Amino acid sequence: MKKLVIAACLALGATVAVAAEHGSAAEARAMLEKAVAAISTDKATALGQIARGEAGFKDRDLYPFCGGPDGNFTAHPSLTGKSMKGLVDKAGEPVGQKLYAAAAEGSISEVGYMWPRPGSQDPVQKVSFVTRVGDQVCAVGYYK
C-alpha cells in the first residue's frame, strides 16, 4: 500500500510539472494586459522589450507580439519587420487578417488558429488574445 501511495504522489507531481510547462489562458491574458500598459506608458521601450523577450515578456511558450498600421510586426521574438497582416496559419487560414480585424481599442478578443509550439513542427490549436493600443495591434497566444 505504501508503494502505491508513493507512486500516486510521484505521478501527481509529474502531472503538475507538465501542466506548468506551458502557459495558460489566464497567464496569456495577463501578459497582454501588461504589454498594453507598457505600450501606453512608453511605446518604443515596450516594443523593444517585447521583441527581445525582456521585462517579463517571455514566459515558457507565452510572448506578446505586435503589428503596426502598415501590417508589419513591430515586436516579435523572430518576425519583427515581417508581415503580420499577411500571416497564414498552418491550415491555410489568414490569421494575420483575423487578428487585425478582431483588434479593438479597450477590448480583448480571441482568435483561434493552428500553429506549432516553439521548437516543434506539428501545428496545434492556439488561441491569441488580441487588442489594439494606439496604432498597434497586440496579442498573446496560448496553446490548447
N, C-alpha and C. Protein backbone atom coordinates (compact mmCIF):
# COMPACT_ATOMS: atom_id res chain seq x y z
N MET A 1 0.83 -1.20 0.00
CA MET A 1 0.00 0.00 0.00
C MET A 1 0.88 1.26 0.00
N LYS A 2 1.96 1.21 0.79
CA LYS A 2 2.86 2.36 0.88
C LYS A 2 3.46 2.68 -0.49
N LYS A 3 3.84 1.65 -1.26
CA LYS A 3 4.40 1.85 -2.59
C LYS A 3 3.38 2.48 -3.53
N LEU A 4 2.11 2.08 -3.39
CA LEU A 4 1.05 2.63 -4.22
C LEU A 4 0.86 4.12 -3.95
N VAL A 5 0.90 4.51 -2.68
CA VAL A 5 0.75 5.92 -2.31
C VAL A 5 1.92 6.73 -2.85
N ILE A 6 3.13 6.19 -2.73
CA ILE A 6 4.32 6.88 -3.24
C ILE A 6 4.23 7.03 -4.75
N ALA A 7 3.82 5.97 -5.45
CA ALA A 7 3.69 6.03 -6.91
C ALA A 7 2.64 7.05 -7.31
N ALA A 8 1.53 7.10 -6.59
CA ALA A 8 0.47 8.08 -6.89
C ALA A 8 0.98 9.50 -6.69
N CYS A 9 1.73 9.72 -5.62
CA CYS A 9 2.28 11.06 -5.37
C CYS A 9 3.26 11.47 -6.45
N LEU A 10 4.11 10.53 -6.87
CA LEU A 10 5.07 10.83 -7.93
C LEU A 10 4.35 11.13 -9.24
N ALA A 11 3.32 10.36 -9.55
CA ALA A 11 2.55 10.59 -10.77
C ALA A 11 1.87 11.96 -10.73
N LEU A 12 1.30 12.31 -9.59
CA LEU A 12 0.65 13.61 -9.44
C LEU A 12 1.66 14.73 -9.60
N GLY A 13 2.83 14.57 -9.02
CA GLY A 13 3.89 15.58 -9.15
C GLY A 13 4.31 15.75 -10.59
N ALA A 14 4.41 14.65 -11.34
CA ALA A 14 4.78 14.72 -12.75
C ALA A 14 3.70 15.44 -13.55
N THR A 15 2.44 15.18 -13.22
CA THR A 15 1.34 15.84 -13.92
C THR A 15 1.37 17.34 -13.68
N VAL A 16 1.61 17.74 -12.45
CA VAL A 16 1.68 19.16 -12.12
C VAL A 16 2.85 19.81 -12.85
N ALA A 17 3.99 19.14 -12.92
CA ALA A 17 5.15 19.69 -13.60
C ALA A 17 4.89 19.86 -15.09
N VAL A 18 4.20 18.90 -15.71
CA VAL A 18 3.90 19.00 -17.13
C VAL A 18 2.92 20.15 -17.38
N ALA A 19 1.92 20.28 -16.52
CA ALA A 19 0.93 21.34 -16.69
C ALA A 19 1.58 22.71 -16.61
N ALA A 20 2.58 22.87 -15.77
CA ALA A 20 3.23 24.16 -15.58
C ALA A 20 4.24 24.46 -16.69
N GLU A 21 4.48 23.50 -17.54
CA GLU A 21 5.44 23.68 -18.62
C GLU A 21 4.94 24.63 -19.70
N HIS A 22 3.62 24.79 -19.81
CA HIS A 22 3.02 25.65 -20.82
C HIS A 22 2.19 26.75 -20.15
N GLY A 23 2.09 27.88 -20.81
CA GLY A 23 1.31 28.98 -20.29
C GLY A 23 -0.19 28.74 -20.43
N SER A 24 -0.95 29.32 -19.53
CA SER A 24 -2.40 29.15 -19.52
C SER A 24 -3.10 30.35 -20.18
N ALA A 25 -4.38 30.21 -20.39
CA ALA A 25 -5.18 31.31 -20.96
C ALA A 25 -5.12 32.53 -20.05
N ALA A 26 -5.26 32.31 -18.74
CA ALA A 26 -5.24 33.43 -17.79
C ALA A 26 -3.88 34.14 -17.82
N GLU A 27 -2.81 33.37 -17.92
CA GLU A 27 -1.47 33.97 -17.97
C GLU A 27 -1.26 34.74 -19.27
N ALA A 28 -1.78 34.22 -20.37
CA ALA A 28 -1.67 34.91 -21.66
C ALA A 28 -2.41 36.24 -21.62
N ARG A 29 -3.61 36.23 -21.08
CA ARG A 29 -4.40 37.46 -21.00
C ARG A 29 -3.70 38.49 -20.09
N ALA A 30 -3.16 38.03 -18.97
CA ALA A 30 -2.46 38.94 -18.06
C ALA A 30 -1.22 39.53 -18.73
N MET A 31 -0.51 38.73 -19.54
CA MET A 31 0.66 39.25 -20.23
C MET A 31 0.26 40.29 -21.27
N LEU A 32 -0.87 40.07 -21.95
CA LEU A 32 -1.35 41.06 -22.92
C LEU A 32 -1.70 42.37 -22.20
N GLU A 33 -2.36 42.28 -21.07
CA GLU A 33 -2.71 43.48 -20.31
C GLU A 33 -1.45 44.21 -19.86
N LYS A 34 -0.42 43.46 -19.49
CA LYS A 34 0.86 44.07 -19.10
C LYS A 34 1.51 44.77 -20.31
N ALA A 35 1.44 44.14 -21.47
CA ALA A 35 2.01 44.74 -22.68
C ALA A 35 1.27 46.02 -23.05
N VAL A 36 -0.05 46.01 -22.94
CA VAL A 36 -0.85 47.21 -23.25
C VAL A 36 -0.46 48.35 -22.31
N ALA A 37 -0.32 48.06 -21.03
CA ALA A 37 0.07 49.09 -20.06
C ALA A 37 1.45 49.65 -20.39
N ALA A 38 2.39 48.76 -20.74
CA ALA A 38 3.75 49.21 -21.06
C ALA A 38 3.78 50.05 -22.33
N ILE A 39 3.04 49.65 -23.35
CA ILE A 39 2.99 50.40 -24.60
C ILE A 39 2.34 51.76 -24.38
N SER A 40 1.32 51.79 -23.54
CA SER A 40 0.63 53.06 -23.24
C SER A 40 1.54 54.03 -22.51
N THR A 41 2.50 53.50 -21.74
CA THR A 41 3.42 54.34 -20.98
C THR A 41 4.61 54.80 -21.82
N ASP A 42 5.23 53.87 -22.55
CA ASP A 42 6.42 54.18 -23.35
C ASP A 42 6.49 53.19 -24.50
N LYS A 43 5.86 53.52 -25.61
CA LYS A 43 5.72 52.61 -26.74
C LYS A 43 7.06 52.07 -27.25
N ALA A 44 8.02 52.92 -27.50
CA ALA A 44 9.29 52.48 -28.08
C ALA A 44 10.02 51.50 -27.16
N THR A 45 10.10 51.84 -25.88
CA THR A 45 10.78 50.95 -24.93
C THR A 45 10.05 49.62 -24.82
N ALA A 46 8.72 49.67 -24.72
CA ALA A 46 7.93 48.45 -24.57
C ALA A 46 8.07 47.54 -25.79
N LEU A 47 7.99 48.10 -26.99
CA LEU A 47 8.13 47.27 -28.19
C LEU A 47 9.50 46.62 -28.26
N GLY A 48 10.53 47.33 -27.84
CA GLY A 48 11.88 46.74 -27.80
C GLY A 48 11.96 45.60 -26.80
N GLN A 49 11.38 45.80 -25.62
CA GLN A 49 11.38 44.74 -24.61
C GLN A 49 10.59 43.52 -25.08
N ILE A 50 9.46 43.75 -25.72
CA ILE A 50 8.64 42.65 -26.23
C ILE A 50 9.43 41.87 -27.28
N ALA A 51 10.06 42.56 -28.20
CA ALA A 51 10.82 41.89 -29.26
C ALA A 51 11.98 41.06 -28.70
N ARG A 52 12.57 41.54 -27.61
CA ARG A 52 13.71 40.83 -27.01
C ARG A 52 13.28 39.84 -25.92
N GLY A 53 12.01 39.82 -25.57
CA GLY A 53 11.54 38.93 -24.51
C GLY A 53 12.01 39.36 -23.14
N GLU A 54 12.20 40.64 -22.94
CA GLU A 54 12.67 41.17 -21.66
C GLU A 54 11.51 41.67 -20.81
N ALA A 55 11.81 41.98 -19.56
CA ALA A 55 10.86 42.61 -18.63
C ALA A 55 9.60 41.77 -18.42
N GLY A 56 9.77 40.45 -18.44
CA GLY A 56 8.63 39.57 -18.22
C GLY A 56 7.79 39.32 -19.46
N PHE A 57 8.29 39.69 -20.63
CA PHE A 57 7.54 39.49 -21.86
C PHE A 57 7.91 38.20 -22.58
N LYS A 58 8.40 37.23 -21.85
CA LYS A 58 8.64 35.86 -22.35
C LYS A 58 8.52 34.94 -21.16
N ASP A 59 7.57 34.02 -21.22
CA ASP A 59 7.36 33.06 -20.14
C ASP A 59 6.96 31.72 -20.75
N ARG A 60 7.88 30.77 -20.76
CA ARG A 60 7.66 29.46 -21.37
C ARG A 60 7.24 29.64 -22.83
N ASP A 61 6.02 29.26 -23.20
CA ASP A 61 5.58 29.41 -24.58
C ASP A 61 4.67 30.63 -24.78
N LEU A 62 4.68 31.54 -23.82
CA LEU A 62 3.90 32.78 -23.91
C LEU A 62 4.81 33.96 -24.24
N TYR A 63 4.36 34.78 -25.17
CA TYR A 63 5.07 36.01 -25.51
C TYR A 63 4.11 36.92 -26.26
N PRO A 64 4.19 38.23 -26.04
CA PRO A 64 3.36 39.15 -26.82
C PRO A 64 3.97 39.38 -28.20
N PHE A 65 3.14 39.81 -29.11
CA PHE A 65 3.62 40.27 -30.41
C PHE A 65 2.70 41.39 -30.87
N CYS A 66 3.26 42.32 -31.61
CA CYS A 66 2.50 43.50 -32.05
C CYS A 66 2.78 43.79 -33.52
N GLY A 67 1.81 44.43 -34.15
CA GLY A 67 1.94 44.87 -35.53
C GLY A 67 1.49 46.31 -35.65
N GLY A 68 2.11 47.02 -36.55
CA GLY A 68 1.80 48.43 -36.74
C GLY A 68 0.76 48.66 -37.82
N PRO A 69 0.47 49.93 -38.09
CA PRO A 69 -0.55 50.28 -39.08
C PRO A 69 -0.22 49.82 -40.50
N ASP A 70 1.06 49.58 -40.77
CA ASP A 70 1.46 49.11 -42.10
C ASP A 70 1.27 47.60 -42.26
N GLY A 71 0.86 46.90 -41.17
CA GLY A 71 0.64 45.46 -41.23
C GLY A 71 1.85 44.62 -40.90
N ASN A 72 2.98 45.26 -40.58
CA ASN A 72 4.20 44.52 -40.24
C ASN A 72 4.39 44.40 -38.74
N PHE A 73 5.04 43.31 -38.33
CA PHE A 73 5.36 43.11 -36.92
C PHE A 73 6.27 44.24 -36.45
N THR A 74 5.90 44.90 -35.38
CA THR A 74 6.76 45.89 -34.74
C THR A 74 7.48 45.28 -33.55
N ALA A 75 6.98 44.14 -33.06
CA ALA A 75 7.62 43.43 -31.95
C ALA A 75 7.21 41.96 -32.00
N HIS A 76 8.21 41.11 -32.14
CA HIS A 76 8.01 39.64 -32.15
C HIS A 76 9.38 39.02 -31.91
N PRO A 77 9.43 37.88 -31.21
CA PRO A 77 10.74 37.27 -30.94
C PRO A 77 11.56 36.95 -32.19
N SER A 78 10.92 36.66 -33.33
CA SER A 78 11.70 36.33 -34.52
C SER A 78 11.16 36.92 -35.83
N LEU A 79 10.01 37.57 -35.79
CA LEU A 79 9.40 38.06 -37.03
C LEU A 79 9.32 39.58 -37.14
N THR A 80 9.96 40.32 -36.26
CA THR A 80 9.90 41.78 -36.31
C THR A 80 10.30 42.27 -37.70
N GLY A 81 9.47 43.15 -38.28
CA GLY A 81 9.73 43.69 -39.60
C GLY A 81 9.04 42.94 -40.72
N LYS A 82 8.60 41.72 -40.45
CA LYS A 82 7.90 40.92 -41.47
C LYS A 82 6.40 41.18 -41.37
N SER A 83 5.67 40.72 -42.37
CA SER A 83 4.23 40.97 -42.42
C SER A 83 3.45 40.18 -41.38
N MET A 84 2.78 40.90 -40.49
CA MET A 84 1.87 40.26 -39.54
C MET A 84 0.50 40.08 -40.20
N LYS A 85 0.06 41.10 -40.92
CA LYS A 85 -1.25 41.06 -41.54
C LYS A 85 -1.34 39.96 -42.59
N GLY A 86 -0.25 39.63 -43.22
CA GLY A 86 -0.22 38.59 -44.24
C GLY A 86 0.05 37.19 -43.70
N LEU A 87 0.15 37.06 -42.39
CA LEU A 87 0.46 35.78 -41.77
C LEU A 87 -0.66 34.77 -42.02
N VAL A 88 -0.29 33.57 -42.45
CA VAL A 88 -1.23 32.48 -42.71
C VAL A 88 -0.86 31.34 -41.78
N ASP A 89 -1.88 30.73 -41.13
CA ASP A 89 -1.57 29.64 -40.21
C ASP A 89 -1.28 28.36 -40.97
N LYS A 90 -1.00 27.29 -40.25
CA LYS A 90 -0.58 26.04 -40.86
C LYS A 90 -1.74 25.29 -41.52
N ALA A 91 -2.98 25.79 -41.34
CA ALA A 91 -4.14 25.21 -42.03
C ALA A 91 -4.54 26.08 -43.23
N GLY A 92 -3.74 27.12 -43.52
CA GLY A 92 -4.01 27.99 -44.65
C GLY A 92 -4.96 29.14 -44.36
N GLU A 93 -5.30 29.35 -43.09
CA GLU A 93 -6.21 30.43 -42.71
C GLU A 93 -5.45 31.75 -42.57
N PRO A 94 -6.04 32.88 -42.97
CA PRO A 94 -5.37 34.18 -42.88
C PRO A 94 -5.39 34.74 -41.45
N VAL A 95 -4.58 34.18 -40.58
CA VAL A 95 -4.61 34.55 -39.17
C VAL A 95 -4.24 36.01 -38.95
N GLY A 96 -3.32 36.54 -39.71
CA GLY A 96 -2.94 37.95 -39.56
C GLY A 96 -4.12 38.88 -39.82
N GLN A 97 -4.86 38.63 -40.87
CA GLN A 97 -6.04 39.44 -41.18
C GLN A 97 -7.07 39.31 -40.07
N LYS A 98 -7.23 38.09 -39.54
CA LYS A 98 -8.20 37.87 -38.45
C LYS A 98 -7.80 38.63 -37.20
N LEU A 99 -6.51 38.66 -36.88
CA LEU A 99 -6.03 39.39 -35.71
C LEU A 99 -6.31 40.89 -35.87
N TYR A 100 -5.99 41.43 -37.04
CA TYR A 100 -6.23 42.86 -37.27
C TYR A 100 -7.72 43.18 -37.22
N ALA A 101 -8.55 42.32 -37.79
CA ALA A 101 -10.00 42.56 -37.81
C ALA A 101 -10.60 42.49 -36.41
N ALA A 102 -10.07 41.64 -35.56
CA ALA A 102 -10.63 41.45 -34.21
C ALA A 102 -10.14 42.50 -33.22
N ALA A 103 -9.03 43.17 -33.51
CA ALA A 103 -8.43 44.11 -32.57
C ALA A 103 -9.23 45.38 -32.45
N ALA A 104 -9.59 45.72 -31.22
CA ALA A 104 -10.32 46.97 -30.96
C ALA A 104 -9.79 47.59 -29.67
N GLU A 105 -9.60 48.88 -29.70
CA GLU A 105 -9.11 49.63 -28.53
C GLU A 105 -10.06 49.41 -27.36
N GLY A 106 -9.50 49.10 -26.20
CA GLY A 106 -10.30 48.97 -24.98
C GLY A 106 -11.01 47.65 -24.79
N SER A 107 -10.84 46.70 -25.71
CA SER A 107 -11.45 45.38 -25.52
C SER A 107 -10.47 44.31 -25.98
N ILE A 108 -10.67 43.12 -25.46
CA ILE A 108 -9.81 41.98 -25.81
C ILE A 108 -10.68 40.93 -26.47
N SER A 109 -10.27 40.49 -27.65
CA SER A 109 -10.97 39.44 -28.40
C SER A 109 -10.07 38.21 -28.47
N GLU A 110 -10.64 37.10 -28.93
CA GLU A 110 -9.89 35.87 -29.10
C GLU A 110 -9.92 35.45 -30.56
N VAL A 111 -8.77 34.98 -31.05
CA VAL A 111 -8.66 34.46 -32.41
C VAL A 111 -7.97 33.10 -32.32
N GLY A 112 -8.62 32.07 -32.85
CA GLY A 112 -8.05 30.73 -32.85
C GLY A 112 -7.42 30.39 -34.19
N TYR A 113 -6.36 29.59 -34.14
CA TYR A 113 -5.66 29.17 -35.36
C TYR A 113 -4.75 28.00 -35.05
N MET A 114 -4.20 27.41 -36.09
CA MET A 114 -3.29 26.26 -35.94
C MET A 114 -1.85 26.75 -36.08
N TRP A 115 -1.04 26.45 -35.05
CA TRP A 115 0.35 26.92 -35.05
C TRP A 115 1.20 25.96 -34.23
N PRO A 116 2.43 25.69 -34.64
CA PRO A 116 3.27 24.79 -33.84
C PRO A 116 3.80 25.47 -32.57
N ARG A 117 3.92 24.69 -31.53
CA ARG A 117 4.56 25.20 -30.31
C ARG A 117 6.01 25.52 -30.63
N PRO A 118 6.62 26.45 -29.88
CA PRO A 118 8.05 26.72 -30.10
C PRO A 118 8.86 25.42 -30.01
N GLY A 119 9.72 25.22 -30.98
CA GLY A 119 10.57 24.04 -31.02
C GLY A 119 9.92 22.83 -31.68
N SER A 120 8.71 22.97 -32.21
CA SER A 120 8.01 21.86 -32.84
C SER A 120 7.61 22.25 -34.26
N GLN A 121 7.35 21.26 -35.08
CA GLN A 121 6.86 21.49 -36.44
C GLN A 121 5.37 21.15 -36.57
N ASP A 122 4.82 20.46 -35.56
CA ASP A 122 3.44 19.98 -35.62
C ASP A 122 2.47 21.05 -35.14
N PRO A 123 1.57 21.50 -36.00
CA PRO A 123 0.61 22.53 -35.58
C PRO A 123 -0.43 21.98 -34.60
N VAL A 124 -0.77 22.81 -33.62
CA VAL A 124 -1.82 22.52 -32.65
C VAL A 124 -2.70 23.75 -32.53
N GLN A 125 -3.83 23.60 -31.87
CA GLN A 125 -4.74 24.73 -31.69
C GLN A 125 -4.10 25.78 -30.79
N LYS A 126 -4.07 27.00 -31.26
CA LYS A 126 -3.57 28.13 -30.49
C LYS A 126 -4.66 29.19 -30.48
N VAL A 127 -4.80 29.87 -29.38
CA VAL A 127 -5.76 30.97 -29.26
C VAL A 127 -4.98 32.20 -28.81
N SER A 128 -5.14 33.29 -29.53
CA SER A 128 -4.49 34.54 -29.14
C SER A 128 -5.54 35.54 -28.67
N PHE A 129 -5.24 36.16 -27.53
CA PHE A 129 -5.99 37.31 -27.07
C PHE A 129 -5.42 38.50 -27.83
N VAL A 130 -6.28 39.34 -28.38
CA VAL A 130 -5.81 40.44 -29.22
C VAL A 130 -6.56 41.72 -28.88
N THR A 131 -5.83 42.84 -28.96
CA THR A 131 -6.42 44.15 -28.73
C THR A 131 -5.66 45.18 -29.56
N ARG A 132 -6.16 46.38 -29.53
CA ARG A 132 -5.48 47.49 -30.19
C ARG A 132 -5.11 48.49 -29.11
N VAL A 133 -3.87 48.97 -29.17
CA VAL A 133 -3.42 50.02 -28.27
C VAL A 133 -2.76 51.09 -29.13
N GLY A 134 -3.47 52.21 -29.30
CA GLY A 134 -3.00 53.25 -30.22
C GLY A 134 -2.97 52.70 -31.63
N ASP A 135 -1.81 52.80 -32.29
CA ASP A 135 -1.70 52.30 -33.66
C ASP A 135 -1.18 50.86 -33.73
N GLN A 136 -1.10 50.20 -32.58
CA GLN A 136 -0.56 48.84 -32.51
C GLN A 136 -1.67 47.80 -32.32
N VAL A 137 -1.56 46.70 -33.04
CA VAL A 137 -2.39 45.51 -32.80
C VAL A 137 -1.49 44.55 -32.06
N CYS A 138 -1.87 44.20 -30.82
CA CYS A 138 -1.02 43.35 -29.99
C CYS A 138 -1.79 42.12 -29.53
N ALA A 139 -1.07 41.03 -29.36
CA ALA A 139 -1.68 39.77 -28.98
C ALA A 139 -0.71 38.94 -28.15
N VAL A 140 -1.28 38.02 -27.41
CA VAL A 140 -0.53 36.96 -26.72
C VAL A 140 -1.36 35.69 -26.88
N GLY A 141 -0.71 34.63 -27.35
CA GLY A 141 -1.42 33.38 -27.59
C GLY A 141 -0.98 32.29 -26.63
N TYR A 142 -1.90 31.38 -26.39
CA TYR A 142 -1.61 30.17 -25.60
C TYR A 142 -2.06 28.97 -26.41
N TYR A 143 -1.47 27.83 -26.12
CA TYR A 143 -1.77 26.60 -26.84
C TYR A 143 -2.76 25.77 -26.03
N LYS A 144 -3.76 25.23 -26.73
CA LYS A 144 -4.75 24.39 -26.06
C LYS A 144 -4.24 22.98 -25.90
